[in-house]
Amino acid sequence: MRVRAVDFVGVPVQDMATSQAFYRDTLGLRPLHEAEGWAEYDAGNITVSLFVEDGQKGEPSLRNALLAFAVADVAAAVAELRANGSQVLQDTEEYPPCFMATVTDPSGNAIMLHQRKDGTAG
């Protein structure tokens, strides 16, 4: 597996509306996309993604910010990491613009593997 770039950084939030107002109005970031429990903002060289923190404090993907690494093939990267003993939290899922999966690093931090369907990265 080779990481191509960081596609986005996810930030867990408790109140989406308040957080959206802060990132949009206070920080002046341009909104890119909104979905249920998810919002994306253009921060110049990276996308900042807000996601609703659902209160499950034990879940690695909800404790900390979430790095989303661009890879050429999410399913192949998951298979490689699984073969190397990495924990897979979310197997490959398809969304309209991308494929994503979530694994953990040795400290239990969630790492998202991300593949945009248009082939871009970063």
PDB file of N, CA and C in Angstrom:
ATOM      1  N   MET A   1       0.857  -1.181   0.000  1.00  0.00           N
ATOM      2  CA  MET A   1       0.000   0.000   0.000  1.00  0.00           C
ATOM      3  C   MET A   1       0.894   1.232   0.000  1.00  0.00           C
ATOM      4  N   ARG A   2       0.481   2.237  -0.757  1.00  0.00           N
ATOM      5  CA  ARG A   2       1.195   3.504  -0.784  1.00  0.00           C
ATOM      6  C   ARG A   2       0.180   4.621  -0.580  1.00  0.00           C
ATOM      7  N   VAL A   3       0.454   5.486   0.386  1.00  0.00           N
ATOM      8  CA  VAL A   3      -0.397   6.653   0.620  1.00  0.00           C
ATOM      9  C   VAL A   3      -0.044   7.703  -0.413  1.00  0.00           C
ATOM     10  N   ARG A   4      -1.055   8.203  -1.110  1.00  0.00           N
ATOM     11  CA  ARG A   4      -0.852   9.219  -2.148  1.00  0.00           C
ATOM     12  C   ARG A   4      -0.875  10.632  -1.588  1.00  0.00           C
ATOM     13  N   ALA A   5      -1.717  10.864  -0.584  1.00  0.00           N
ATOM     14  CA  ALA A   5      -1.892  12.204  -0.019  1.00  0.00           C
ATOM     15  C   ALA A   5      -2.837  12.103   1.166  1.00  0.00           C
ATOM     16  N   VAL A   6      -2.997  13.209   1.879  1.00  0.00           N
ATOM     17  CA  VAL A   6      -4.064  13.308   2.876  1.00  0.00           C
ATOM     18  C   VAL A   6      -5.233  13.954   2.162  1.00  0.00           C
ATOM     19  N   ASP A   7      -6.368  13.246   2.069  1.00  0.00           N
ATOM     20  CA  ASP A   7      -7.539  13.797   1.386  1.00  0.00           C
ATOM     21  C   ASP A   7      -8.314  14.754   2.278  1.00  0.00           C
ATOM     22  N   PHE A   8      -8.481  14.401   3.547  1.00  0.00           N
ATOM     23  CA  PHE A   8      -9.170  15.297   4.465  1.00  0.00           C
ATOM     24  C   PHE A   8      -8.849  14.925   5.898  1.00  0.00           C
ATOM     25  N   VAL A   9      -9.158  15.849   6.797  1.00  0.00           N
ATOM     26  CA  VAL A   9      -9.058  15.598   8.232  1.00  0.00           C
ATOM     27  C   VAL A   9     -10.464  15.713   8.785  1.00  0.00           C
ATOM     28  N   GLY A  10     -10.915  14.691   9.494  1.00  0.00           N
ATOM     29  CA  GLY A  10     -12.244  14.690  10.098  1.00  0.00           C
ATOM     30  C   GLY A  10     -12.164  15.156  11.541  1.00  0.00           C
ATOM     31  N   VAL A  11     -13.111  15.981  11.921  1.00  0.00           N
ATOM     32  CA  VAL A  11     -13.160  16.535  13.271  1.00  0.00           C
ATOM     33  C   VAL A  11     -14.482  16.138  13.920  1.00  0.00           C
ATOM     34  N   PRO A  12     -14.436  15.376  15.026  1.00  0.00           N
ATOM     35  CA  PRO A  12     -15.688  15.001  15.686  1.00  0.00           C
ATOM     36  C   PRO A  12     -16.308  16.208  16.388  1.00  0.00           C
ATOM     37  N   VAL A  13     -17.617  16.393  16.203  1.00  0.00           N
ATOM     38  CA  VAL A  13     -18.330  17.509  16.834  1.00  0.00           C
ATOM     39  C   VAL A  13     -19.587  16.974  17.521  1.00  0.00           C
ATOM     40  N   GLN A  14     -20.039  17.682  18.541  1.00  0.00           N
ATOM     41  CA  GLN A  14     -21.247  17.268  19.252  1.00  0.00           C
ATOM     42  C   GLN A  14     -22.486  17.971  18.719  1.00  0.00           C
ATOM     43  N   ASP A  15     -22.342  19.199  18.265  1.00  0.00           N
ATOM     44  CA  ASP A  15     -23.467  19.976  17.757  1.00  0.00           C
ATOM     45  C   ASP A  15     -23.116  20.445  16.346  1.00  0.00           C
ATOM     46  N   MET A  16     -23.691  19.798  15.344  1.00  0.00           N
ATOM     47  CA  MET A  16     -23.335  20.083  13.956  1.00  0.00           C
ATOM     48  C   MET A  16     -23.652  21.523  13.566  1.00  0.00           C
ATOM     49  N   ALA A  17     -24.824  22.023  13.894  1.00  0.00           N
ATOM     50  CA  ALA A  17     -25.214  23.373  13.474  1.00  0.00           C
ATOM     51  C   ALA A  17     -24.277  24.431  14.050  1.00  0.00           C
ATOM     52  N   THR A  18     -23.962  24.329  15.323  1.00  0.00           N
ATOM     53  CA  THR A  18     -23.055  25.282  15.964  1.00  0.00           C
ATOM     54  C   THR A  18     -21.662  25.180  15.353  1.00  0.00           C
ATOM     55  N   SER A  19     -21.217  23.958  15.113  1.00  0.00           N
ATOM     56  CA  SER A  19     -19.885  23.747  14.537  1.00  0.00           C
ATOM     57  C   SER A  19     -19.815  24.258  13.104  1.00  0.00           C
ATOM     58  N   GLN A  20     -20.876  24.029  12.331  1.00  0.00           N
ATOM     59  CA  GLN A  20     -20.906  24.532  10.959  1.00  0.00           C
ATOM     60  C   GLN A  20     -20.816  26.059  10.953  1.00  0.00           C
ATOM     61  N   ALA A  21     -21.551  26.702  11.824  1.00  0.00           N
ATOM     62  CA  ALA A  21     -21.507  28.165  11.901  1.00  0.00           C
ATOM     63  C   ALA A  21     -20.094  28.650  12.237  1.00  0.00           C
ATOM     64  N   PHE A  22     -19.424  27.966  13.149  1.00  0.00           N
ATOM     65  CA  PHE A  22     -18.065  28.344  13.528  1.00  0.00           C
ATOM     66  C   PHE A  22     -17.108  28.199  12.347  1.00  0.00           C
ATOM     67  N   TYR A  23     -17.085  27.040  11.718  1.00  0.00           N
ATOM     68  CA  TYR A  23     -16.135  26.810  10.624  1.00  0.00           C
ATOM     69  C   TYR A  23     -16.448  27.679   9.404  1.00  0.00           C
ATOM     70  N   ARG A  24     -17.728  27.889   9.138  1.00  0.00           N
ATOM     71  CA  ARG A  24     -18.151  28.685   7.980  1.00  0.00           C
ATOM     72  C   ARG A  24     -18.051  30.181   8.261  1.00  0.00           C
ATOM     73  N   ASP A  25     -18.702  30.634   9.322  1.00  0.00           N
ATOM     74  CA  ASP A  25     -18.836  32.071   9.570  1.00  0.00           C
ATOM     75  C   ASP A  25     -17.665  32.665  10.343  1.00  0.00           C
ATOM     76  N   THR A  26     -17.225  31.991  11.379  1.00  0.00           N
ATOM     77  CA  THR A  26     -16.140  32.524  12.195  1.00  0.00           C
ATOM     78  C   THR A  26     -14.786  32.350  11.518  1.00  0.00           C
ATOM     79  N   LEU A  27     -14.515  31.139  11.013  1.00  0.00           N
ATOM     80  CA  LEU A  27     -13.225  30.886  10.356  1.00  0.00           C
ATOM     81  C   LEU A  27     -13.233  31.244   8.874  1.00  0.00           C
ATOM     82  N   GLY A  28     -14.423  31.389   8.295  1.00  0.00           N
ATOM     83  CA  GLY A  28     -14.531  31.788   6.898  1.00  0.00           C
ATOM     84  C   GLY A  28     -14.226  30.696   5.889  1.00  0.00           C
ATOM     85  N   LEU A  29     -14.368  29.423   6.291  1.00  0.00           N
ATOM     86  CA  LEU A  29     -14.110  28.330   5.355  1.00  0.00           C
ATOM     87  C   LEU A  29     -15.309  28.144   4.423  1.00  0.00           C
ATOM     88  N   ARG A  30     -15.007  27.870   3.156  1.00  0.00           N
ATOM     89  CA  ARG A  30     -16.056  27.711   2.144  1.00  0.00           C
ATOM     90  C   ARG A  30     -16.670  26.315   2.241  1.00  0.00           C
ATOM     91  N   PRO A  31     -18.011  26.229   2.408  1.00  0.00           N
ATOM     92  CA  PRO A  31     -18.672  24.925   2.446  1.00  0.00           C
ATOM     93  C   PRO A  31     -18.522  24.196   1.110  1.00  0.00           C
ATOM     94  N   LEU A  32     -18.273  22.878   1.190  1.00  0.00           N
ATOM     95  CA  LEU A  32     -18.142  22.055  -0.010  1.00  0.00           C
ATOM     96  C   LEU A  32     -19.282  21.061  -0.156  1.00  0.00           C
ATOM     97  N   HIS A  33     -19.676  20.436   0.961  1.00  0.00           N
ATOM     98  CA  HIS A  33     -20.658  19.357   0.909  1.00  0.00           C
ATOM     99  C   HIS A  33     -21.284  19.182   2.287  1.00  0.00           C
ATOM    100  N   GLU A  34     -22.569  18.901   2.303  1.00  0.00           N
ATOM    101  CA  GLU A  34     -23.257  18.589   3.551  1.00  0.00           C
ATOM    102  C   GLU A  34     -24.109  17.350   3.346  1.00  0.00           C
ATOM    103  N   ALA A  35     -24.131  16.481   4.362  1.00  0.00           N
ATOM    104  CA  ALA A  35     -24.980  15.292   4.377  1.00  0.00           C
ATOM    105  C   ALA A  35     -25.380  15.076   5.828  1.00  0.00           C
ATOM    106  N   GLU A  36     -26.236  14.132   6.075  1.00  0.00           N
ATOM    107  CA  GLU A  36     -26.678  13.840   7.445  1.00  0.00           C
ATOM    108  C   GLU A  36     -25.468  13.510   8.321  1.00  0.00           C
ATOM    109  N   GLY A  37     -25.194  14.358   9.318  1.00  0.00           N
ATOM    110  CA  GLY A  37     -24.100  14.108  10.250  1.00  0.00           C
ATOM    111  C   GLY A  37     -22.709  14.353   9.690  1.00  0.00           C
ATOM    112  N   TRP A  38     -22.608  15.058   8.564  1.00  0.00           N
ATOM    113  CA  TRP A  38     -21.313  15.260   7.906  1.00  0.00           C
ATOM    114  C   TRP A  38     -21.321  16.590   7.167  1.00  0.00           C
ATOM    115  N   ALA A  39     -20.233  17.362   7.252  1.00  0.00           N
ATOM    116  CA  ALA A  39     -20.093  18.611   6.507  1.00  0.00           C
ATOM    117  C   ALA A  39     -18.626  18.792   6.138  1.00  0.00           C
ATOM    118  N   GLU A  40     -18.372  19.287   4.934  1.00  0.00           N
ATOM    119  CA  GLU A  40     -17.004  19.468   4.455  1.00  0.00           C
ATOM    120  C   GLU A  40     -16.763  20.929   4.109  1.00  0.00           C
ATOM    121  N   TYR A  41     -15.533  21.399   4.422  1.00  0.00           N
ATOM    122  CA  TYR A  41     -15.142  22.782   4.193  1.00  0.00           C
ATOM    123  C   TYR A  41     -13.780  22.843   3.524  1.00  0.00           C
ATOM    124  N   ASP A  42     -13.626  23.788   2.600  1.00  0.00           N
ATOM    125  CA  ASP A  42     -12.363  24.004   1.904  1.00  0.00           C
ATOM    126  C   ASP A  42     -11.453  24.843   2.790  1.00  0.00           C
ATOM    127  N   ALA A  43     -10.303  24.273   3.158  1.00  0.00           N
ATOM    128  CA  ALA A  43      -9.329  25.002   3.971  1.00  0.00           C
ATOM    129  C   ALA A  43      -8.065  25.266   3.144  1.00  0.00           C
ATOM    130  N   GLY A  44      -8.217  25.419   1.847  1.00  0.00           N
ATOM    131  CA  GLY A  44      -7.078  25.719   0.979  1.00  0.00           C
ATOM    132  C   GLY A  44      -6.387  24.470   0.486  1.00  0.00           C
ATOM    133  N   ASN A  45      -5.462  23.952   1.277  1.00  0.00           N
ATOM    134  CA  ASN A  45      -4.695  22.789   0.846  1.00  0.00           C
ATOM    135  C   ASN A  45      -5.258  21.468   1.351  1.00  0.00           C
ATOM    136  N   ILE A  46      -6.365  21.512   2.083  1.00  0.00           N
ATOM    137  CA  ILE A  46      -6.959  20.294   2.623  1.00  0.00           C
ATOM    138  C   ILE A  46      -8.441  20.536   2.896  1.00  0.00           C
ATOM    139  N   THR A  47      -9.216  19.486   2.929  1.00  0.00           N
ATOM    140  CA  THR A  47     -10.627  19.575   3.296  1.00  0.00           C
ATOM    141  C   THR A  47     -10.761  19.244   4.774  1.00  0.00           C
ATOM    142  N   VAL A  48     -11.540  20.046   5.494  1.00  0.00           N
ATOM    143  CA  VAL A  48     -11.873  19.784   6.890  1.00  0.00           C
ATOM    144  C   VAL A  48     -13.289  19.234   6.905  1.00  0.00           C
ATOM    145  N   SER A  49     -13.450  18.038   7.441  1.00  0.00           N
ATOM    146  CA  SER A  49     -14.752  17.382   7.490  1.00  0.00           C
ATOM    147  C   SER A  49     -15.226  17.284   8.928  1.00  0.00           C
ATOM    148  N   LEU A  50     -16.422  17.766   9.186  1.00  0.00           N
ATOM    149  CA  LEU A  50     -17.027  17.653  10.509  1.00  0.00           C
ATOM    150  C   LEU A  50     -17.929  16.433  10.507  1.00  0.00           C
ATOM    151  N   PHE A  51     -17.883  15.629  11.570  1.00  0.00           N
ATOM    152  CA  PHE A  51     -18.808  14.509  11.694  1.00  0.00           C
ATOM    153  C   PHE A  51     -19.348  14.481  13.105  1.00  0.00           C
ATOM    154  N   VAL A  52     -20.600  14.076  13.230  1.00  0.00           N
ATOM    155  CA  VAL A  52     -21.266  14.079  14.522  1.00  0.00           C
ATOM    156  C   VAL A  52     -20.684  12.988  15.401  1.00  0.00           C
ATOM    157  N   GLU A  53     -20.212  13.389  16.547  1.00  0.00           N
ATOM    158  CA  GLU A  53     -19.676  12.484  17.563  1.00  0.00           C
ATOM    159  C   GLU A  53     -20.881  11.918  18.287  1.00  0.00           C
ATOM    160  N   ASP A  54     -21.069  10.605  18.216  1.00  0.00           N
ATOM    161  CA  ASP A  54     -22.320  10.027  18.718  1.00  0.00           C
ATOM    162  C   ASP A  54     -22.290   9.571  20.167  1.00  0.00           C
ATOM    163  N   GLY A  55     -21.249   9.922  20.897  1.00  0.00           N
ATOM    164  CA  GLY A  55     -21.228   9.612  22.323  1.00  0.00           C
ATOM    165  C   GLY A  55     -20.617   8.282  22.682  1.00  0.00           C
ATOM    166  N   GLN A  56     -20.209   7.501  21.699  1.00  0.00           N
ATOM    167  CA  GLN A  56     -19.581   6.206  21.986  1.00  0.00           C
ATOM    168  C   GLN A  56     -18.090   6.435  22.195  1.00  0.00           C
ATOM    169  N   LYS A  57     -17.726   6.855  23.377  1.00  0.00           N
ATOM    170  CA  LYS A  57     -16.359   7.265  23.668  1.00  0.00           C
ATOM    171  C   LYS A  57     -15.333   6.159  23.448  1.00  0.00           C
ATOM    172  N   GLY A  58     -15.722   4.914  23.469  1.00  0.00           N
ATOM    173  CA  GLY A  58     -14.775   3.831  23.277  1.00  0.00           C
ATOM    174  C   GLY A  58     -14.421   3.573  21.828  1.00  0.00           C
ATOM    175  N   GLU A  59     -15.166   4.167  20.903  1.00  0.00           N
ATOM    176  CA  GLU A  59     -14.911   3.925  19.492  1.00  0.00           C
ATOM    177  C   GLU A  59     -13.714   4.756  19.039  1.00  0.00           C
ATOM    178  N   PRO A  60     -12.675   4.131  18.488  1.00  0.00           N
ATOM    179  CA  PRO A  60     -11.493   4.878  18.061  1.00  0.00           C
ATOM    180  C   PRO A  60     -11.806   5.990  17.083  1.00  0.00           C
ATOM    181  N   SER A  61     -12.743   5.786  16.163  1.00  0.00           N
ATOM    182  CA  SER A  61     -13.018   6.808  15.162  1.00  0.00           C
ATOM    183  C   SER A  61     -13.701   8.035  15.744  1.00  0.00           C
ATOM    184  N   LEU A  62     -14.150   7.967  16.980  1.00  0.00           N
ATOM    185  CA  LEU A  62     -14.869   9.096  17.571  1.00  0.00           C
ATOM    186  C   LEU A  62     -14.080   9.814  18.655  1.00  0.00           C
ATOM    187  N   ARG A  63     -12.946   9.294  19.054  1.00  0.00           N
ATOM    188  CA  ARG A  63     -12.163   9.911  20.120  1.00  0.00           C
ATOM    189  C   ARG A  63     -11.378  11.116  19.648  1.00  0.00           C
ATOM    190  N   ASN A  64     -10.822  11.028  18.460  1.00  0.00           N
ATOM    191  CA  ASN A  64      -9.855  12.008  17.984  1.00  0.00           C
ATOM    192  C   ASN A  64     -10.205  12.471  16.582  1.00  0.00           C
ATOM    193  N   ALA A  65      -9.411  13.427  16.118  1.00  0.00           N
ATOM    194  CA  ALA A  65      -9.530  13.803  14.721  1.00  0.00           C
ATOM    195  C   ALA A  65      -9.216  12.578  13.873  1.00  0.00           C
ATOM    196  N   LEU A  66      -9.702  12.561  12.664  1.00  0.00           N
ATOM    197  CA  LEU A  66      -9.585  11.405  11.782  1.00  0.00           C
ATOM    198  C   LEU A  66      -8.826  11.796  10.527  1.00  0.00           C
ATOM    199  N   LEU A  67      -7.696  11.134  10.260  1.00  0.00           N
ATOM    200  CA  LEU A  67      -6.949  11.352   9.026  1.00  0.00           C
ATOM    201  C   LEU A  67      -7.511  10.457   7.942  1.00  0.00           C
ATOM    202  N   ALA A  68      -7.698  11.001   6.760  1.00  0.00           N
ATOM    203  CA  ALA A  68      -8.157  10.213   5.617  1.00  0.00           C
ATOM    204  C   ALA A  68      -7.054  10.204   4.578  1.00  0.00           C
ATOM    205  N   PHE A  69      -6.392   9.064   4.437  1.00  0.00           N
ATOM    206  CA  PHE A  69      -5.306   8.927   3.482  1.00  0.00           C
ATOM    207  C   PHE A  69      -5.835   8.455   2.136  1.00  0.00           C
ATOM    208  N   ALA A  70      -5.421   9.132   1.070  1.00  0.00           N
ATOM    209  CA  ALA A  70      -5.776   8.729  -0.284  1.00  0.00           C
ATOM    210  C   ALA A  70      -4.930   7.529  -0.679  1.00  0.00           C
ATOM    211  N   VAL A  71      -5.592   6.500  -1.178  1.00  0.00           N
ATOM    212  CA  VAL A  71      -4.902   5.316  -1.702  1.00  0.00           C
ATOM    213  C   VAL A  71      -5.484   4.997  -3.073  1.00  0.00           C
ATOM    214  N   ALA A  72      -4.733   4.263  -3.870  1.00  0.00           N
ATOM    215  CA  ALA A  72      -5.184   3.936  -5.227  1.00  0.00           C
ATOM    216  C   ALA A  72      -6.344   2.955  -5.233  1.00  0.00           C
ATOM    217  N   ASP A  73      -6.378   2.036  -4.249  1.00  0.00           N
ATOM    218  CA  ASP A  73      -7.401   1.000  -4.212  1.00  0.00           C
ATOM    219  C   ASP A  73      -7.694   0.657  -2.753  1.00  0.00           C
ATOM    220  N   VAL A  74      -8.822   1.120  -2.241  1.00  0.00           N
ATOM    221  CA  VAL A  74      -9.168   0.915  -0.835  1.00  0.00           C
ATOM    222  C   VAL A  74      -9.273  -0.565  -0.488  1.00  0.00           C
ATOM    223  N   ALA A  75      -9.967  -1.338  -1.307  1.00  0.00           N
ATOM    224  CA  ALA A  75     -10.153  -2.765  -1.005  1.00  0.00           C
ATOM    225  C   ALA A  75      -8.816  -3.487  -0.927  1.00  0.00           C
ATOM    226  N   ALA A  76      -7.900  -3.186  -1.839  1.00  0.00           N
ATOM    227  CA  ALA A  76      -6.573  -3.826  -1.822  1.00  0.00           C
ATOM    228  C   ALA A  76      -5.787  -3.388  -0.593  1.00  0.00           C
ATOM    229  N   ALA A  77      -5.890  -2.119  -0.235  1.00  0.00           N
ATOM    230  CA  ALA A  77      -5.178  -1.618   0.951  1.00  0.00           C
ATOM    231  C   ALA A  77      -5.706  -2.285   2.218  1.00  0.00           C
ATOM    232  N   VAL A  78      -7.027  -2.446   2.315  1.00  0.00           N
ATOM    233  CA  VAL A  78      -7.623  -3.115   3.472  1.00  0.00           C
ATOM    234  C   VAL A  78      -7.128  -4.559   3.554  1.00  0.00           C
ATOM    235  N   ALA A  79      -7.117  -5.248   2.423  1.00  0.00           N
ATOM    236  CA  ALA A  79      -6.654  -6.643   2.411  1.00  0.00           C
ATOM    237  C   ALA A  79      -5.199  -6.736   2.862  1.00  0.00           C
ATOM    238  N   GLU A  80      -4.365  -5.823   2.401  1.00  0.00           N
ATOM    239  CA  GLU A  80      -2.953  -5.818   2.789  1.00  0.00           C
ATOM    240  C   GLU A  80      -2.788  -5.552   4.280  1.00  0.00           C
ATOM    241  N   LEU A  81      -3.505  -4.569   4.791  1.00  0.00           N
ATOM    242  CA  LEU A  81      -3.398  -4.233   6.218  1.00  0.00           C
ATOM    243  C   LEU A  81      -3.954  -5.354   7.089  1.00  0.00           C
ATOM    244  N   ARG A  82      -5.059  -5.930   6.662  1.00  0.00           N
ATOM    245  CA  ARG A  82      -5.643  -7.054   7.406  1.00  0.00           C
ATOM    246  C   ARG A  82      -4.642  -8.221   7.464  1.00  0.00           C
ATOM    247  N   ALA A  83      -3.971  -8.505   6.354  1.00  0.00           N
ATOM    248  CA  ALA A  83      -2.977  -9.584   6.308  1.00  0.00           C
ATOM    249  C   ALA A  83      -1.791  -9.293   7.226  1.00  0.00           C
ATOM    250  N   ASN A  84      -1.520  -8.012   7.463  1.00  0.00           N
ATOM    251  CA  ASN A  84      -0.428  -7.612   8.357  1.00  0.00           C
ATOM    252  C   ASN A  84      -0.876  -7.498   9.807  1.00  0.00           C
ATOM    253  N   GLY A  85      -2.125  -7.867  10.094  1.00  0.00           N
ATOM    254  CA  GLY A  85      -2.609  -7.875  11.467  1.00  0.00           C
ATOM    255  C   GLY A  85      -3.276  -6.606  11.948  1.00  0.00           C
ATOM    256  N   SER A  86      -3.498  -5.644  11.065  1.00  0.00           N
ATOM    257  CA  SER A  86      -4.170  -4.399  11.468  1.00  0.00           C
ATOM    258  C   SER A  86      -5.652  -4.651  11.712  1.00  0.00           C
ATOM    259  N   GLN A  87      -6.210  -3.903  12.656  1.00  0.00           N
ATOM    260  CA  GLN A  87      -7.636  -4.009  12.958  1.00  0.00           C
ATOM    261  C   GLN A  87      -8.432  -3.180  11.957  1.00  0.00           C
ATOM    262  N   VAL A  88      -9.442  -3.774  11.367  1.00  0.00           N
ATOM    263  CA  VAL A  88     -10.329  -3.077  10.438  1.00  0.00           C
ATOM    264  C   VAL A  88     -11.607  -2.733  11.186  1.00  0.00           C
ATOM    265  N   LEU A  89     -11.895  -1.439  11.313  1.00  0.00           N
ATOM    266  CA  LEU A  89     -13.105  -0.988  12.009  1.00  0.00           C
ATOM    267  C   LEU A  89     -14.306  -0.945  11.074  1.00  0.00           C
ATOM    268  N   GLN A  90     -14.054  -0.543   9.839  1.00  0.00           N
ATOM    269  CA  GLN A  90     -15.127  -0.445   8.836  1.00  0.00           C
ATOM    270  C   GLN A  90     -14.549  -0.950   7.528  1.00  0.00           C
ATOM    271  N   ASP A  91     -15.115  -2.019   7.008  1.00  0.00           N
ATOM    272  CA  ASP A  91     -14.642  -2.551   5.738  1.00  0.00           C
ATOM    273  C   ASP A  91     -15.005  -1.576   4.618  1.00  0.00           C
ATOM    274  N   THR A  92     -14.519  -1.825   3.437  1.00  0.00           N
ATOM    275  CA  THR A  92     -14.729  -0.934   2.297  1.00  0.00           C
ATOM    276  C   THR A  92     -16.218  -0.708   2.043  1.00  0.00           C
ATOM    277  N   GLU A  93     -16.577   0.563   1.964  1.00  0.00           N
ATOM    278  CA  GLU A  93     -17.948   0.962   1.629  1.00  0.00           C
ATOM    279  C   GLU A  93     -17.889   1.932   0.467  1.00  0.00           C
ATOM    280  N   GLU A  94     -18.905   1.883  -0.371  1.00  0.00           N
ATOM    281  CA  GLU A  94     -18.976   2.780  -1.524  1.00  0.00           C
ATOM    282  C   GLU A  94     -19.964   3.904  -1.250  1.00  0.00           C
ATOM    283  N   TYR A  95     -19.576   5.113  -1.617  1.00  0.00           N
ATOM    284  CA  TYR A  95     -20.416   6.303  -1.529  1.00  0.00           C
ATOM    285  C   TYR A  95     -20.409   6.949  -2.915  1.00  0.00           C
ATOM    286  N   PRO A  96     -21.329   7.858  -3.201  1.00  0.00           N
ATOM    287  CA  PRO A  96     -21.363   8.427  -4.551  1.00  0.00           C
ATOM    288  C   PRO A  96     -20.007   8.966  -5.046  1.00  0.00           C
ATOM    289  N   PRO A  97     -19.240   9.704  -4.208  1.00  0.00           N
ATOM    290  CA  PRO A  97     -17.982  10.213  -4.762  1.00  0.00           C
ATOM    291  C   PRO A  97     -16.742   9.355  -4.493  1.00  0.00           C
ATOM    292  N   CYS A  98     -16.871   8.282  -3.661  1.00  0.00           N
ATOM    293  CA  CYS A  98     -15.652   7.621  -3.216  1.00  0.00           C
ATOM    294  C   CYS A  98     -15.890   6.232  -2.633  1.00  0.00           C
ATOM    295  N   PHE A  99     -14.769   5.585  -2.281  1.00  0.00           N
ATOM    296  CA  PHE A  99     -14.755   4.358  -1.497  1.00  0.00           C
ATOM    297  C   PHE A  99     -13.993   4.680  -0.219  1.00  0.00           C
ATOM    298  N   MET A 100     -14.437   4.132   0.915  1.00  0.00           N
ATOM    299  CA  MET A 100     -13.762   4.393   2.186  1.00  0.00           C
ATOM    300  C   MET A 100     -13.755   3.141   3.042  1.00  0.00           C
ATOM    301  N   ALA A 101     -12.744   3.051   3.894  1.00  0.00           N
ATOM    302  CA  ALA A 101     -12.656   2.016   4.914  1.00  0.00           C
ATOM    303  C   ALA A 101     -11.896   2.629   6.083  1.00  0.00           C
ATOM    304  N   THR A 102     -12.032   2.046   7.269  1.00  0.00           N
ATOM    305  CA  THR A 102     -11.346   2.574   8.446  1.00  0.00           C
ATOM    306  C   THR A 102     -10.593   1.456   9.146  1.00  0.00           C
ATOM    307  N   VAL A 103      -9.331   1.728   9.459  1.00  0.00           N
ATOM    308  CA  VAL A 103      -8.471   0.805  10.192  1.00  0.00           C
ATOM    309  C   VAL A 103      -7.915   1.556  11.402  1.00  0.00           C
ATOM    310  N   THR A 104      -7.194   0.858  12.268  1.00  0.00           N
ATOM    311  CA  THR A 104      -6.564   1.546  13.396  1.00  0.00           C
ATOM    312  C   THR A 104      -5.053   1.450  13.293  1.00  0.00           C
ATOM    313  N   ASP A 105      -4.388   2.433  13.896  1.00  0.00           N
ATOM    314  CA  ASP A 105      -2.945   2.348  14.047  1.00  0.00           C
ATOM    315  C   ASP A 105      -2.648   1.580  15.336  1.00  0.00           C
ATOM    316  N   PRO A 106      -1.394   1.331  15.680  1.00  0.00           N
ATOM    317  CA  PRO A 106      -1.090   0.538  16.871  1.00  0.00           C
ATOM    318  C   PRO A 106      -1.586   1.144  18.190  1.00  0.00           C
ATOM    319  N   SER A 107      -1.848   2.459  18.208  1.00  0.00           N
ATOM    320  CA  SER A 107      -2.346   3.113  19.421  1.00  0.00           C
ATOM    321  C   SER A 107      -3.864   3.176  19.470  1.00  0.00           C
ATOM    322  N   GLY A 108      -4.536   2.613  18.472  1.00  0.00           N
ATOM    323  CA  GLY A 108      -5.992   2.605  18.449  1.00  0.00           C
ATOM    324  C   GLY A 108      -6.612   3.804  17.782  1.00  0.00           C
ATOM    325  N   ASN A 109      -5.802   4.681  17.164  1.00  0.00           N
ATOM    326  CA  ASN A 109      -6.348   5.823  16.443  1.00  0.00           C
ATOM    327  C   ASN A 109      -6.909   5.363  15.110  1.00  0.00           C
ATOM    328  N   ALA A 110      -8.054   5.896  14.749  1.00  0.00           N
ATOM    329  CA  ALA A 110      -8.685   5.536  13.483  1.00  0.00           C
ATOM    330  C   ALA A 110      -7.960   6.211  12.326  1.00  0.00           C
ATOM    331  N   ILE A 111      -7.743   5.458  11.271  1.00  0.00           N
ATOM    332  CA  ILE A 111      -7.164   5.958  10.031  1.00  0.00           C
ATOM    333  C   ILE A 111      -8.127   5.562   8.919  1.00  0.00           C
ATOM    334  N   MET A 112      -8.581   6.550   8.158  1.00  0.00           N
ATOM    335  CA  MET A 112      -9.479   6.247   7.054  1.00  0.00           C
ATOM    336  C   MET A 112      -8.664   6.081   5.784  1.00  0.00           C
ATOM    337  N   LEU A 113      -9.006   5.093   5.003  1.00  0.00           N
ATOM    338  CA  LEU A 113      -8.444   4.901   3.676  1.00  0.00           C
ATOM    339  C   LEU A 113      -9.501   5.390   2.699  1.00  0.00           C
ATOM    340  N   HIS A 114      -9.106   6.240   1.757  1.00  0.00           N
ATOM    341  CA  HIS A 114     -10.063   6.974   0.931  1.00  0.00           C
ATOM    342  C   HIS A 114      -9.631   6.917  -0.530  1.00  0.00           C
ATOM    343  N   GLN A 115     -10.582   6.623  -1.407  1.00  0.00           N
ATOM    344  CA  GLN A 115     -10.318   6.556  -2.842  1.00  0.00           C
ATOM    345  C   GLN A 115     -11.402   7.324  -3.567  1.00  0.00           C
ATOM    346  N   ARG A 116     -11.052   8.466  -4.125  1.00  0.00           N
ATOM    347  CA  ARG A 116     -12.021   9.243  -4.891  1.00  0.00           C
ATOM    348  C   ARG A 116     -12.245   8.583  -6.250  1.00  0.00           C
ATOM    349  N   LYS A 117     -13.499   8.539  -6.673  1.00  0.00           N
ATOM    350  CA  LYS A 117     -13.826   7.910  -7.950  1.00  0.00           C
ATOM    351  C   LYS A 117     -13.275   8.687  -9.135  1.00  0.00           C
ATOM    352  N   ASP A 118     -13.028   9.989  -8.960  1.00  0.00           N
ATOM    353  CA  ASP A 118     -12.483  10.771 -10.066  1.00  0.00           C
ATOM    354  C   ASP A 118     -10.966  10.653 -10.174  1.00  0.00           C
ATOM    355  N   GLY A 119     -10.342   9.879  -9.275  1.00  0.00           N
ATOM    356  CA  GLY A 119      -8.900   9.627  -9.341  1.00  0.00           C
ATOM    357  C   GLY A 119      -8.024  10.674  -8.696  1.00  0.00           C
ATOM    358  N   THR A 120      -8.614  11.776  -8.203  1.00  0.00           N
ATOM    359  CA  THR A 120      -7.800  12.811  -7.590  1.00  0.00           C
ATOM    360  C   THR A 120      -7.428  12.444  -6.155  1.00  0.00           C
ATOM    361  N   ALA A 121      -6.451  13.141  -5.633  1.00  0.00           N
ATOM    362  CA  ALA A 121      -6.003  12.949  -4.250  1.00  0.00           C
ATOM    363  C   ALA A 121      -5.471  14.261  -3.704  1.00  0.00           C
ATOM    364  N   GLY A 122      -5.609  14.425  -2.401  1.00  0.00           N
ATOM    365  CA  GLY A 122      -5.055  15.601  -1.738  1.00  0.00           C
ATOM    366  C   GLY A 122      -5.958  16.801  -1.779  1.00  0.00           C
TER     367      GLY A 122
END
